[in-house]
Amino acid sequence: HQTDNRRPTSTTPIPILHWNKQQEHDGTYKTSYETGNNIIAEESGYIKTIGEGEERAEAIVQQGTFSYTSPEGQLITIHYTADETGFHAQGDHIPTPPPVSEEIQKGLDLIYAGIRQQEVRISMTFLPSRSDPSLGILLPCLPRHTRFRTSSDIHE
């Protein structure tokens, strides 16, 4: 015998108390609504051009707020933005990581400094000159284990 842990479903329709949508020809818009069970939302957006030349593209930039009452009776409010960098939400109920302690940050800084030094050493390897083997010149080079894929590798 299994127990049903799902929440009961309601067959009572939730009324829409307010609904507004404004859409412009240039892609900008504003929308807002409120429901009979206290869900309130507002959002606006526009189209933004990013990049240049062949990398030029359009991204939709959105910002808004929505709120609702949790099953525990707490008012939940979320403010957000969404753009080419992703979705970014803020709210008092969203957990945040603890701050990094000074000791841990110092350790991370040392690790990153060591990685940067290692990258510099790898990129500044001496290679003999092909035109005159008696001369050595500084050329950036890749570690010997690095292998670039070519179109012939794909068909192997």
N, C-alpha and C. Protein backbone atom coordinates (compact mmCIF):
# COMPACT_ATOMS: atom_id res chain seq x y z
N HIS A 1 0.84 -1.19 0.00
CA HIS A 1 0.00 0.00 0.00
C HIS A 1 0.88 1.24 0.00
N GLN A 2 0.76 2.06 -1.02
CA GLN A 2 1.55 3.29 -1.12
C GLN A 2 0.68 4.48 -0.77
N THR A 3 1.30 5.43 -0.08
CA THR A 3 0.57 6.66 0.23
C THR A 3 0.85 7.68 -0.85
N ASP A 4 -0.12 8.51 -1.14
CA ASP A 4 0.00 9.54 -2.16
C ASP A 4 0.49 10.82 -1.50
N ASN A 5 1.77 11.19 -1.75
CA ASN A 5 2.37 12.38 -1.14
C ASN A 5 2.18 13.63 -1.99
N ARG A 6 1.50 13.52 -3.09
CA ARG A 6 1.29 14.70 -3.94
C ARG A 6 0.32 15.65 -3.26
N ARG A 7 0.50 16.92 -3.59
CA ARG A 7 -0.43 17.93 -3.08
C ARG A 7 -1.78 17.73 -3.75
N PRO A 8 -2.83 18.03 -3.02
CA PRO A 8 -4.14 17.91 -3.66
C PRO A 8 -4.28 18.92 -4.79
N THR A 9 -4.89 18.50 -5.87
CA THR A 9 -5.10 19.40 -6.99
C THR A 9 -6.46 20.06 -6.85
N SER A 10 -6.51 21.32 -7.23
CA SER A 10 -7.75 22.07 -7.14
C SER A 10 -8.41 22.10 -8.51
N THR A 11 -9.70 21.93 -8.52
CA THR A 11 -10.44 22.05 -9.77
C THR A 11 -11.10 23.42 -9.89
N THR A 12 -10.94 24.24 -8.84
CA THR A 12 -11.51 25.58 -8.87
C THR A 12 -10.61 26.49 -9.69
N PRO A 13 -11.14 27.12 -10.73
CA PRO A 13 -10.31 28.03 -11.53
C PRO A 13 -9.87 29.24 -10.70
N ILE A 14 -8.63 29.67 -10.92
CA ILE A 14 -8.10 30.86 -10.26
C ILE A 14 -8.38 32.04 -11.19
N PRO A 15 -9.09 33.04 -10.70
CA PRO A 15 -9.40 34.17 -11.60
C PRO A 15 -8.19 35.06 -11.85
N ILE A 16 -8.14 35.63 -13.03
CA ILE A 16 -7.14 36.64 -13.38
C ILE A 16 -7.79 37.99 -13.06
N LEU A 17 -7.24 38.70 -12.07
CA LEU A 17 -7.82 39.97 -11.64
C LEU A 17 -7.36 41.13 -12.51
N HIS A 18 -6.15 41.01 -13.03
CA HIS A 18 -5.58 42.10 -13.83
C HIS A 18 -4.63 41.49 -14.86
N TRP A 19 -4.70 41.95 -16.08
CA TRP A 19 -3.79 41.51 -17.15
C TRP A 19 -3.55 42.69 -18.07
N ASN A 20 -2.29 43.02 -18.32
CA ASN A 20 -1.95 44.11 -19.22
C ASN A 20 -0.73 43.71 -20.03
N LYS A 21 -0.81 43.93 -21.33
CA LYS A 21 0.32 43.61 -22.22
C LYS A 21 0.43 44.74 -23.23
N GLN A 22 1.62 45.35 -23.28
CA GLN A 22 1.90 46.39 -24.26
C GLN A 22 3.08 45.92 -25.09
N GLN A 23 2.88 45.79 -26.38
CA GLN A 23 3.93 45.33 -27.28
C GLN A 23 4.16 46.40 -28.34
N GLU A 24 5.41 46.84 -28.49
CA GLU A 24 5.75 47.86 -29.49
C GLU A 24 6.39 47.19 -30.71
N HIS A 25 6.40 47.90 -31.83
CA HIS A 25 6.97 47.35 -33.07
C HIS A 25 8.48 47.15 -32.99
N ASP A 26 9.17 47.89 -32.12
CA ASP A 26 10.62 47.75 -32.01
C ASP A 26 11.04 46.60 -31.09
N GLY A 27 10.07 45.83 -30.59
CA GLY A 27 10.39 44.69 -29.73
C GLY A 27 10.26 44.98 -28.25
N THR A 28 10.14 46.25 -27.86
CA THR A 28 9.97 46.55 -26.43
C THR A 28 8.57 46.12 -26.00
N TYR A 29 8.46 45.75 -24.73
CA TYR A 29 7.16 45.33 -24.22
C TYR A 29 7.10 45.55 -22.71
N LYS A 30 5.88 45.57 -22.19
CA LYS A 30 5.61 45.60 -20.76
C LYS A 30 4.41 44.70 -20.54
N THR A 31 4.48 43.90 -19.52
CA THR A 31 3.34 43.05 -19.19
C THR A 31 3.21 42.97 -17.67
N SER A 32 1.99 42.83 -17.21
CA SER A 32 1.75 42.67 -15.77
C SER A 32 0.45 41.90 -15.58
N TYR A 33 0.38 41.18 -14.47
CA TYR A 33 -0.86 40.48 -14.15
C TYR A 33 -0.95 40.23 -12.65
N GLU A 34 -2.17 39.95 -12.20
CA GLU A 34 -2.43 39.59 -10.81
C GLU A 34 -3.52 38.54 -10.82
N THR A 35 -3.34 37.49 -10.01
CA THR A 35 -4.32 36.41 -9.96
C THR A 35 -5.09 36.45 -8.64
N GLY A 36 -6.16 35.70 -8.59
CA GLY A 36 -6.99 35.63 -7.40
C GLY A 36 -6.32 34.94 -6.22
N ASN A 37 -5.23 34.25 -6.44
CA ASN A 37 -4.50 33.62 -5.33
C ASN A 37 -3.21 34.38 -5.02
N ASN A 38 -3.22 35.68 -5.28
CA ASN A 38 -2.15 36.62 -4.90
C ASN A 38 -0.81 36.40 -5.60
N ILE A 39 -0.83 35.95 -6.82
CA ILE A 39 0.38 35.95 -7.63
C ILE A 39 0.39 37.26 -8.40
N ILE A 40 1.47 38.01 -8.26
CA ILE A 40 1.59 39.31 -8.92
C ILE A 40 2.89 39.31 -9.71
N ALA A 41 2.84 39.75 -10.96
CA ALA A 41 4.05 39.76 -11.80
C ALA A 41 4.05 40.99 -12.69
N GLU A 42 5.25 41.52 -12.90
CA GLU A 42 5.48 42.62 -13.85
C GLU A 42 6.78 42.32 -14.58
N GLU A 43 6.79 42.58 -15.89
CA GLU A 43 8.00 42.36 -16.67
C GLU A 43 8.05 43.36 -17.81
N SER A 44 9.28 43.79 -18.13
CA SER A 44 9.49 44.64 -19.30
C SER A 44 10.72 44.12 -20.02
N GLY A 45 10.80 44.44 -21.30
CA GLY A 45 11.94 43.97 -22.07
C GLY A 45 12.15 44.77 -23.33
N TYR A 46 13.33 44.60 -23.88
CA TYR A 46 13.68 45.27 -25.13
C TYR A 46 14.74 44.44 -25.84
N ILE A 47 14.97 44.75 -27.11
CA ILE A 47 15.98 44.04 -27.90
C ILE A 47 17.25 44.87 -27.91
N LYS A 48 18.37 44.21 -27.64
CA LYS A 48 19.68 44.86 -27.55
C LYS A 48 20.60 44.24 -28.59
N THR A 49 21.37 45.07 -29.27
CA THR A 49 22.37 44.59 -30.22
C THR A 49 23.68 44.37 -29.47
N ILE A 50 24.26 43.19 -29.64
CA ILE A 50 25.54 42.88 -28.99
C ILE A 50 26.54 42.47 -30.06
N GLY A 51 27.81 42.68 -29.77
CA GLY A 51 28.87 42.30 -30.70
C GLY A 51 28.97 43.24 -31.87
N GLU A 52 29.97 42.99 -32.71
CA GLU A 52 30.21 43.82 -33.88
C GLU A 52 30.55 42.94 -35.08
N GLY A 53 30.37 43.47 -36.26
CA GLY A 53 30.73 42.76 -37.49
C GLY A 53 29.98 41.45 -37.61
N GLU A 54 30.73 40.37 -37.92
CA GLU A 54 30.12 39.05 -38.07
C GLU A 54 29.61 38.50 -36.75
N GLU A 55 30.12 39.03 -35.63
CA GLU A 55 29.71 38.58 -34.30
C GLU A 55 28.46 39.31 -33.81
N ARG A 56 27.95 40.23 -34.61
CA ARG A 56 26.80 41.03 -34.22
C ARG A 56 25.55 40.15 -34.11
N ALA A 57 24.81 40.33 -33.02
CA ALA A 57 23.59 39.56 -32.79
C ALA A 57 22.63 40.39 -31.95
N GLU A 58 21.42 39.90 -31.82
CA GLU A 58 20.43 40.56 -30.99
C GLU A 58 20.13 39.69 -29.79
N ALA A 59 19.94 40.35 -28.64
CA ALA A 59 19.59 39.65 -27.41
C ALA A 59 18.38 40.34 -26.80
N ILE A 60 17.52 39.57 -26.19
CA ILE A 60 16.38 40.15 -25.48
C ILE A 60 16.83 40.42 -24.05
N VAL A 61 16.60 41.64 -23.59
CA VAL A 61 16.91 42.02 -22.21
C VAL A 61 15.58 42.13 -21.48
N GLN A 62 15.45 41.41 -20.38
CA GLN A 62 14.21 41.41 -19.61
C GLN A 62 14.51 41.75 -18.16
N GLN A 63 13.57 42.42 -17.53
CA GLN A 63 13.67 42.63 -16.09
C GLN A 63 12.26 42.59 -15.53
N GLY A 64 12.16 42.10 -14.31
CA GLY A 64 10.83 42.00 -13.75
C GLY A 64 10.83 41.59 -12.30
N THR A 65 9.62 41.45 -11.80
CA THR A 65 9.39 41.05 -10.41
C THR A 65 8.17 40.15 -10.40
N PHE A 66 8.20 39.13 -9.56
CA PHE A 66 6.97 38.39 -9.30
C PHE A 66 6.94 38.00 -7.84
N SER A 67 5.74 37.84 -7.32
CA SER A 67 5.60 37.47 -5.91
C SER A 67 4.42 36.52 -5.76
N TYR A 68 4.50 35.71 -4.72
CA TYR A 68 3.45 34.75 -4.40
C TYR A 68 3.59 34.39 -2.93
N THR A 69 2.60 33.72 -2.38
CA THR A 69 2.64 33.29 -0.99
C THR A 69 3.00 31.81 -0.96
N SER A 70 4.04 31.47 -0.19
CA SER A 70 4.49 30.08 -0.10
C SER A 70 3.46 29.26 0.67
N PRO A 71 3.54 27.92 0.59
CA PRO A 71 2.62 27.08 1.37
C PRO A 71 2.73 27.33 2.88
N GLU A 72 3.89 27.86 3.31
CA GLU A 72 4.07 28.16 4.74
C GLU A 72 3.52 29.54 5.10
N GLY A 73 2.98 30.26 4.12
CA GLY A 73 2.40 31.57 4.38
C GLY A 73 3.37 32.74 4.22
N GLN A 74 4.58 32.49 3.77
CA GLN A 74 5.59 33.55 3.60
C GLN A 74 5.43 34.19 2.22
N LEU A 75 5.48 35.53 2.17
CA LEU A 75 5.45 36.23 0.90
C LEU A 75 6.82 36.09 0.24
N ILE A 76 6.85 35.53 -0.94
CA ILE A 76 8.08 35.34 -1.70
C ILE A 76 8.08 36.36 -2.82
N THR A 77 9.14 37.17 -2.89
CA THR A 77 9.28 38.16 -3.96
C THR A 77 10.61 37.94 -4.65
N ILE A 78 10.59 37.90 -5.96
CA ILE A 78 11.80 37.69 -6.75
C ILE A 78 11.92 38.84 -7.75
N HIS A 79 13.07 39.47 -7.77
CA HIS A 79 13.43 40.49 -8.76
C HIS A 79 14.45 39.82 -9.68
N TYR A 80 14.32 40.04 -10.98
CA TYR A 80 15.23 39.35 -11.90
C TYR A 80 15.56 40.21 -13.10
N THR A 81 16.69 39.85 -13.70
CA THR A 81 17.07 40.36 -15.02
C THR A 81 17.49 39.15 -15.84
N ALA A 82 17.31 39.25 -17.13
CA ALA A 82 17.75 38.18 -18.04
C ALA A 82 18.24 38.86 -19.31
N ASP A 83 19.45 38.48 -19.71
CA ASP A 83 20.05 39.06 -20.91
C ASP A 83 21.05 38.08 -21.49
N GLU A 84 21.98 38.56 -22.30
CA GLU A 84 22.95 37.66 -22.92
C GLU A 84 23.87 36.99 -21.91
N THR A 85 23.88 37.47 -20.66
CA THR A 85 24.71 36.85 -19.63
C THR A 85 23.96 35.81 -18.82
N GLY A 86 22.66 35.64 -19.07
CA GLY A 86 21.88 34.64 -18.35
C GLY A 86 20.77 35.24 -17.50
N PHE A 87 20.20 34.40 -16.65
CA PHE A 87 19.10 34.78 -15.76
C PHE A 87 19.68 35.05 -14.39
N HIS A 88 19.36 36.22 -13.82
CA HIS A 88 19.90 36.62 -12.52
C HIS A 88 18.74 36.98 -11.60
N ALA A 89 18.53 36.19 -10.57
CA ALA A 89 17.41 36.41 -9.65
C ALA A 89 17.93 36.87 -8.29
N GLN A 90 17.13 37.71 -7.64
CA GLN A 90 17.44 38.17 -6.29
C GLN A 90 16.17 38.05 -5.46
N GLY A 91 16.34 37.60 -4.25
CA GLY A 91 15.22 37.50 -3.33
C GLY A 91 15.73 37.15 -1.95
N ASP A 92 15.02 37.61 -0.93
CA ASP A 92 15.45 37.35 0.45
C ASP A 92 15.46 35.86 0.78
N HIS A 93 14.66 35.06 0.12
CA HIS A 93 14.56 33.63 0.40
C HIS A 93 15.61 32.80 -0.34
N ILE A 94 16.32 33.40 -1.30
CA ILE A 94 17.32 32.66 -2.08
C ILE A 94 18.61 32.54 -1.25
N PRO A 95 19.08 31.32 -1.01
CA PRO A 95 20.31 31.16 -0.21
C PRO A 95 21.52 31.78 -0.91
N THR A 96 22.41 32.34 -0.12
CA THR A 96 23.65 32.89 -0.65
C THR A 96 24.81 32.16 0.00
N PRO A 97 25.90 31.96 -0.73
CA PRO A 97 27.05 31.27 -0.14
C PRO A 97 27.70 32.15 0.93
N PRO A 98 28.32 31.52 1.92
CA PRO A 98 29.02 32.32 2.94
C PRO A 98 30.21 33.03 2.31
N PRO A 99 30.63 34.14 2.91
CA PRO A 99 31.80 34.84 2.36
C PRO A 99 33.06 33.98 2.49
N VAL A 100 33.99 34.18 1.57
CA VAL A 100 35.27 33.46 1.60
C VAL A 100 36.14 34.12 2.66
N SER A 101 36.71 33.30 3.55
CA SER A 101 37.55 33.85 4.62
C SER A 101 38.85 34.41 4.03
N GLU A 102 39.49 35.29 4.79
CA GLU A 102 40.73 35.93 4.34
C GLU A 102 41.82 34.88 4.08
N GLU A 103 41.91 33.87 4.94
CA GLU A 103 42.93 32.83 4.78
C GLU A 103 42.71 32.03 3.49
N ILE A 104 41.47 31.67 3.22
CA ILE A 104 41.18 30.91 2.01
C ILE A 104 41.45 31.76 0.78
N GLN A 105 41.08 33.04 0.82
CA GLN A 105 41.32 33.92 -0.33
C GLN A 105 42.82 34.05 -0.60
N LYS A 106 43.64 34.15 0.47
CA LYS A 106 45.10 34.22 0.28
C LYS A 106 45.61 32.95 -0.40
N GLY A 107 45.10 31.80 0.03
CA GLY A 107 45.50 30.54 -0.58
C GLY A 107 45.11 30.47 -2.05
N LEU A 108 43.89 30.90 -2.36
CA LEU A 108 43.45 30.91 -3.76
C LEU A 108 44.31 31.85 -4.60
N ASP A 109 44.65 33.02 -4.04
CA ASP A 109 45.50 33.96 -4.76
C ASP A 109 46.87 33.35 -5.07
N LEU A 110 47.44 32.60 -4.11
CA LEU A 110 48.73 31.93 -4.34
C LEU A 110 48.61 30.87 -5.44
N ILE A 111 47.53 30.11 -5.40
CA ILE A 111 47.33 29.08 -6.43
C ILE A 111 47.24 29.72 -7.81
N TYR A 112 46.42 30.77 -7.94
CA TYR A 112 46.27 31.44 -9.24
C TYR A 112 47.57 32.06 -9.71
N ALA A 113 48.36 32.63 -8.78
CA ALA A 113 49.65 33.22 -9.15
C ALA A 113 50.59 32.13 -9.68
N GLY A 114 50.59 30.96 -9.04
CA GLY A 114 51.41 29.85 -9.49
C GLY A 114 51.01 29.36 -10.87
N ILE A 115 49.71 29.31 -11.12
CA ILE A 115 49.23 28.89 -12.44
C ILE A 115 49.68 29.89 -13.50
N ARG A 116 49.56 31.18 -13.21
CA ARG A 116 49.99 32.21 -14.18
C ARG A 116 51.49 32.10 -14.45
N GLN A 117 52.31 31.87 -13.41
CA GLN A 117 53.76 31.73 -13.61
C GLN A 117 54.06 30.52 -14.49
N GLN A 118 53.35 29.44 -14.26
CA GLN A 118 53.56 28.23 -15.06
C GLN A 118 53.18 28.48 -16.52
N GLU A 119 52.09 29.21 -16.76
CA GLU A 119 51.69 29.52 -18.13
C GLU A 119 52.74 30.38 -18.83
N VAL A 120 53.33 31.33 -18.10
CA VAL A 120 54.37 32.19 -18.69
C VAL A 120 55.59 31.35 -19.04
N ARG A 121 56.01 30.45 -18.14
CA ARG A 121 57.17 29.60 -18.41
C ARG A 121 56.94 28.73 -19.64
N ILE A 122 55.75 28.18 -19.77
CA ILE A 122 55.46 27.32 -20.92
C ILE A 122 55.49 28.12 -22.21
N SER A 123 54.95 29.34 -22.18
CA SER A 123 54.87 30.13 -23.41
C SER A 123 56.20 30.76 -23.80
N MET A 124 57.18 30.80 -22.93
CA MET A 124 58.46 31.46 -23.23
C MET A 124 59.59 30.44 -23.37
N THR A 125 59.34 29.34 -24.04
CA THR A 125 60.34 28.30 -24.25
C THR A 125 61.29 28.70 -25.37
N PHE A 126 62.59 28.45 -25.16
CA PHE A 126 63.58 28.76 -26.20
C PHE A 126 63.54 27.70 -27.29
N LEU A 127 63.54 28.16 -28.54
CA LEU A 127 63.62 27.26 -29.69
C LEU A 127 64.77 27.72 -30.57
N PRO A 128 65.55 26.79 -31.15
CA PRO A 128 66.61 27.21 -32.08
C PRO A 128 66.00 27.80 -33.34
N SER A 129 66.70 28.75 -33.92
CA SER A 129 66.25 29.36 -35.17
C SER A 129 66.44 28.37 -36.30
N ARG A 130 65.47 28.26 -37.19
CA ARG A 130 65.58 27.31 -38.30
C ARG A 130 66.54 27.82 -39.36
N SER A 131 66.69 29.14 -39.48
CA SER A 131 67.58 29.66 -40.52
C SER A 131 69.04 29.59 -40.09
N ASP A 132 69.33 29.72 -38.81
CA ASP A 132 70.71 29.65 -38.31
C ASP A 132 70.70 28.89 -37.00
N PRO A 133 71.04 27.59 -37.02
CA PRO A 133 70.96 26.76 -35.82
C PRO A 133 71.83 27.26 -34.68
N SER A 134 72.85 28.10 -34.96
CA SER A 134 73.71 28.57 -33.87
C SER A 134 73.02 29.65 -33.04
N LEU A 135 71.95 30.25 -33.57
CA LEU A 135 71.24 31.30 -32.84
C LEU A 135 70.00 30.71 -32.17
N GLY A 136 69.73 31.15 -30.98
CA GLY A 136 68.49 30.76 -30.31
C GLY A 136 67.59 31.98 -30.24
N ILE A 137 66.33 31.79 -30.54
CA ILE A 137 65.40 32.91 -30.44
C ILE A 137 64.24 32.52 -29.54
N LEU A 138 63.64 33.52 -28.93
CA LEU A 138 62.48 33.29 -28.07
C LEU A 138 61.23 33.23 -28.93
N LEU A 139 60.56 32.11 -28.90
CA LEU A 139 59.29 31.98 -29.60
C LEU A 139 58.27 31.37 -28.65
N PRO A 140 57.06 31.86 -28.69
CA PRO A 140 56.05 31.18 -27.88
C PRO A 140 55.80 29.80 -28.47
N CYS A 141 55.67 28.81 -27.64
CA CYS A 141 55.37 27.48 -28.15
C CYS A 141 54.44 26.78 -27.18
N LEU A 142 53.83 25.73 -27.66
CA LEU A 142 52.90 24.96 -26.86
C LEU A 142 53.63 23.76 -26.28
N PRO A 143 53.14 23.24 -25.15
CA PRO A 143 53.74 22.02 -24.61
C PRO A 143 53.66 20.90 -25.64
N ARG A 144 54.59 19.97 -25.56
CA ARG A 144 54.67 18.90 -26.55
C ARG A 144 53.41 18.03 -26.58
N HIS A 145 52.69 17.93 -25.47
CA HIS A 145 51.51 17.07 -25.44
C HIS A 145 50.29 17.71 -26.09
N THR A 146 50.36 18.98 -26.46
CA THR A 146 49.23 19.64 -27.10
C THR A 146 49.14 19.20 -28.55
N ARG A 147 47.96 18.86 -29.00
CA ARG A 147 47.74 18.43 -30.37
C ARG A 147 46.50 19.13 -30.89
N PHE A 148 46.64 19.75 -32.05
CA PHE A 148 45.51 20.41 -32.67
C PHE A 148 44.78 19.42 -33.56
N ARG A 149 43.47 19.48 -33.56
CA ARG A 149 42.67 18.63 -34.45
C ARG A 149 42.58 19.28 -35.81
N THR A 150 42.69 18.47 -36.82
CA THR A 150 42.53 18.97 -38.18
C THR A 150 41.28 18.34 -38.77
N SER A 151 40.88 18.81 -39.94
CA SER A 151 39.69 18.24 -40.57
C SER A 151 39.88 16.77 -40.90
N SER A 152 41.13 16.33 -41.13
CA SER A 152 41.36 14.91 -41.42
C SER A 152 41.15 14.06 -40.17
N ASP A 153 41.34 14.65 -38.96
CA ASP A 153 41.10 13.91 -37.72
C ASP A 153 39.63 13.53 -37.57
N ILE A 154 38.77 14.36 -38.08
CA ILE A 154 37.34 14.14 -37.92
C ILE A 154 36.89 12.92 -38.70
N HIS A 155 37.52 12.65 -39.82
CA HIS A 155 37.10 11.54 -40.68
C HIS A 155 37.81 10.23 -40.36
N GLU A 156 38.61 10.21 -39.32
CA GLU A 156 39.36 8.99 -39.01
C GLU A 156 38.46 7.92 -38.43
